[in-house]
Protein backbone atom coordinates (compact mmCIF):
# COMPACT_ATOMS: atom_id res chain seq x y z
CA UNK A 1 79.07 109.14 79.79
CA UNK A 2 81.35 106.20 80.99
CA UNK A 3 84.81 105.27 79.72
CA UNK A 4 85.00 102.91 76.66
CA UNK A 5 87.70 100.20 77.21
CA UNK A 6 88.08 99.53 73.60
CA UNK A 7 91.80 99.14 72.61
CA UNK A 8 93.01 102.19 71.13
CA UNK A 9 96.26 102.76 69.04
CA UNK A 10 99.12 101.09 70.59
CA UNK A 11 97.02 98.73 72.82
CA UNK A 12 99.68 96.22 72.65
CA UNK A 13 102.09 98.40 74.43
CA UNK A 14 102.52 98.00 78.08
CA UNK A 15 102.05 101.89 78.62
CA UNK A 16 98.74 102.30 76.97
CA UNK A 17 95.80 104.39 78.08
CA UNK A 18 92.61 102.91 76.88
CA UNK A 19 89.39 104.53 76.90
CA UNK A 20 86.98 107.15 75.52
CA UNK A 21 86.04 109.44 78.19
CA UNK A 22 83.03 111.66 78.34
CA UNK A 23 83.79 113.58 74.96
CA UNK A 24 87.67 113.94 75.89
CA UNK A 25 88.90 111.39 72.95
CA UNK A 26 91.66 113.88 71.59
CA UNK A 27 94.76 114.46 73.66
CA UNK A 28 95.58 118.09 74.26
CA UNK A 29 97.95 118.49 77.15
CA UNK A 30 101.61 117.51 77.29
CA UNK A 31 103.90 116.38 80.26
CA UNK A 32 106.85 114.38 79.00
CA UNK A 33 108.53 114.36 75.66
CA UNK A 34 106.51 112.57 73.00
CA UNK A 35 103.50 112.15 75.53
CA UNK A 36 100.41 114.09 75.06
CA UNK A 37 97.71 114.04 77.90
CA UNK A 38 94.09 115.24 78.07
CA UNK A 39 94.08 118.19 80.46
CA UNK A 40 90.92 116.98 82.22
CA UNK A 41 93.20 114.39 83.89
CA UNK A 42 95.94 116.75 85.10
CA UNK A 43 95.67 117.18 88.83
CA UNK A 44 93.11 114.17 88.94
CA UNK A 45 92.92 111.14 91.24
CA UNK A 46 94.91 108.29 90.34
CA UNK A 47 93.85 104.89 91.56
CA UNK A 48 95.35 101.51 91.65
CA UNK A 49 92.96 98.73 90.32
CA UNK A 50 93.44 94.87 89.90
CA UNK A 51 89.75 93.84 90.44
CA UNK A 52 90.40 92.70 94.14
CA UNK A 53 87.82 93.50 96.81
CA UNK A 54 90.41 96.04 98.29
CA UNK A 55 90.96 97.76 94.93
CA UNK A 56 87.24 97.89 94.31
CA UNK A 57 86.81 99.89 97.66
CA UNK A 58 89.55 102.14 96.62
CA UNK A 59 88.12 102.71 93.27
CA UNK A 60 84.76 103.74 94.86
CA UNK A 61 86.66 106.11 97.11
CA UNK A 62 88.56 107.83 94.25
CA UNK A 63 85.29 107.98 92.08
CA UNK A 64 83.80 109.98 94.87
CA UNK A 65 86.95 112.25 95.30
CA UNK A 66 87.02 112.80 91.53
CA UNK A 67 83.32 113.73 91.43
CA UNK A 68 83.59 116.06 94.43
CA UNK A 69 86.86 117.56 93.07
CA UNK A 70 85.45 117.69 89.42
CA UNK A 71 88.44 116.22 87.91
CA UNK A 72 89.29 113.22 85.99
CA UNK A 73 90.11 109.61 87.34
CA UNK A 74 93.15 107.77 86.19
CA UNK A 75 92.75 103.96 86.90
CA UNK A 76 95.89 102.14 86.80
CA UNK A 77 96.32 98.37 86.19
CA UNK A 78 100.01 97.07 86.48
CA UNK A 79 100.22 93.81 84.43
CA UNK A 80 102.32 90.74 85.44
CA UNK A 81 106.09 90.66 85.13
CA UNK A 82 107.83 87.61 86.13
CA UNK A 83 111.55 87.16 86.77
CA UNK A 84 113.14 84.91 84.39
CA UNK A 85 116.49 83.48 85.73
CA UNK A 86 119.56 83.61 83.40
CA UNK A 87 121.75 80.59 83.94
CA UNK A 88 124.54 81.67 81.77
CA UNK A 89 127.23 83.09 83.90
CA UNK A 90 126.53 85.54 86.68
CA UNK A 91 123.98 87.89 84.79
CA UNK A 92 121.29 89.63 86.56
CA UNK A 93 117.87 88.40 86.49
CA UNK A 94 115.78 89.51 83.40
CA UNK A 95 112.08 90.35 83.53
CA UNK A 96 109.75 88.92 80.97
CA UNK A 97 106.46 90.70 80.22
CA UNK A 98 103.85 88.09 80.03
CA UNK A 99 100.81 88.72 78.04
CA UNK A 100 98.00 90.21 80.48
CA UNK A 101 94.52 90.07 79.10
CA UNK A 102 93.16 91.17 82.60
CA UNK A 103 93.20 94.74 81.54
CA UNK A 104 90.96 94.21 78.71
CA UNK A 105 88.49 92.26 81.20
CA UNK A 106 88.78 95.21 83.71
CA UNK A 107 88.10 97.72 81.05
CA UNK A 108 84.96 95.97 80.03
CA UNK A 109 83.73 95.62 83.62
CA UNK A 110 84.39 99.41 84.19
CA UNK A 111 82.63 100.30 81.08
CA UNK A 112 79.73 98.82 82.32
CA UNK A 113 79.95 100.13 85.91
CA UNK A 114 77.21 102.62 86.61
CA UNK A 115 78.97 104.34 89.47
CA UNK A 116 81.55 105.61 86.82
CA UNK A 117 78.95 107.68 85.14
CA UNK A 118 79.46 111.33 85.09
CA UNK A 119 83.14 110.84 86.03
CA UNK A 120 85.69 111.16 83.20
CA UNK A 121 87.99 108.24 83.30
CA UNK A 122 90.71 106.17 81.59
CA UNK A 123 92.24 102.97 82.15
CA UNK A 124 96.08 102.66 81.93
CA UNK A 125 98.03 99.47 81.78
CA UNK A 126 101.50 99.34 82.96
CA UNK A 127 104.04 96.51 83.49
CA UNK A 128 106.67 96.40 86.32
CA UNK A 129 106.83 97.27 89.75
CA UNK A 130 103.44 98.08 91.21
CA UNK A 131 104.50 100.88 93.64
CA UNK A 132 106.82 102.53 90.97
CA UNK A 133 104.48 102.40 88.18
CA UNK A 134 101.34 103.88 90.12
CA UNK A 135 103.82 106.51 91.45
CA UNK A 136 105.02 107.33 87.97
CA UNK A 137 101.43 107.71 86.64
CA UNK A 138 100.57 109.90 89.47
CA UNK A 139 103.74 112.12 88.54
CA UNK A 140 103.02 112.07 84.89
CA UNK A 141 99.42 113.38 85.49
CA UNK A 142 100.47 115.64 88.36
CA UNK A 143 97.73 113.90 90.58
CA UNK A 144 96.34 115.54 93.60
CA UNK A 145 96.33 112.24 95.29
CA UNK A 146 96.74 108.47 94.88
CA UNK A 147 94.43 106.11 96.12
CA UNK A 148 95.25 102.28 96.72
CA UNK A 149 93.55 99.38 98.58
CA UNK A 150 95.27 97.48 101.39
CA UNK A 151 97.35 94.38 100.49
CA UNK A 152 96.35 91.40 102.19
CA UNK A 153 97.88 87.87 102.37
CA UNK A 154 101.14 86.19 102.81
CA UNK A 155 102.92 87.87 99.91
CA UNK A 156 102.09 91.36 101.50
CA UNK A 157 103.37 90.23 104.81
CA UNK A 158 106.87 88.91 103.31
CA UNK A 159 107.49 91.51 100.70
CA UNK A 160 105.64 94.54 102.45
CA UNK A 161 102.25 95.75 101.35
CA UNK A 162 102.02 97.83 98.08
CA UNK A 163 100.15 100.41 100.04
CA UNK A 164 102.80 100.73 102.66
CA UNK A 165 105.55 100.93 100.30
CA UNK A 166 103.74 103.37 98.08
CA UNK A 167 102.94 105.67 101.02
CA UNK A 168 106.47 105.78 102.33
CA UNK A 169 107.98 106.76 98.87
CA UNK A 170 105.42 108.73 96.92
CA UNK A 171 105.82 112.48 96.63
CA UNK A 172 102.04 113.12 96.86
CA UNK A 173 99.30 112.24 99.03
CA UNK A 174 98.45 108.60 99.36
CA UNK A 175 95.08 107.44 100.66
CA UNK A 176 94.98 103.94 101.70
CA UNK A 177 91.51 102.33 101.87
CA UNK A 178 91.01 99.22 104.17
């Protein structure tokens, strides 16, 4: 059975897991105060996914890893956050959360993906720094590995690639898929 991307309770919050997963709808494991996690995803595979070609390749690799390891797949989409300059005085920049309906679209696409059949998966939306959020999800789920695609383009060259920054700072194995 594949995941179901329908928004669950709290779908409007930036830290939401959406998805019905192979009979595992009820939370039953705990990691942080106030958060309840399904144990099928503990020690699973975390993959960063934004719908790009490199993230699709990373997702395909992560699905294979999860299938071979017989564990859950935690798919993470980090939503847009843009800096909003504060002109009054010398205050530090403020980050503004923009509505990002891309996660819903990605969830629908994933729900229809045949290659996810037989692998329990969830889609989590976060807002903020991509590296930090993916690493944080990996920590919360005690992931055995984090899988990401390579960053291409001018922004990756200027600010450093997400995959490179994540590989340098993560406390668990990071697999970078070209």
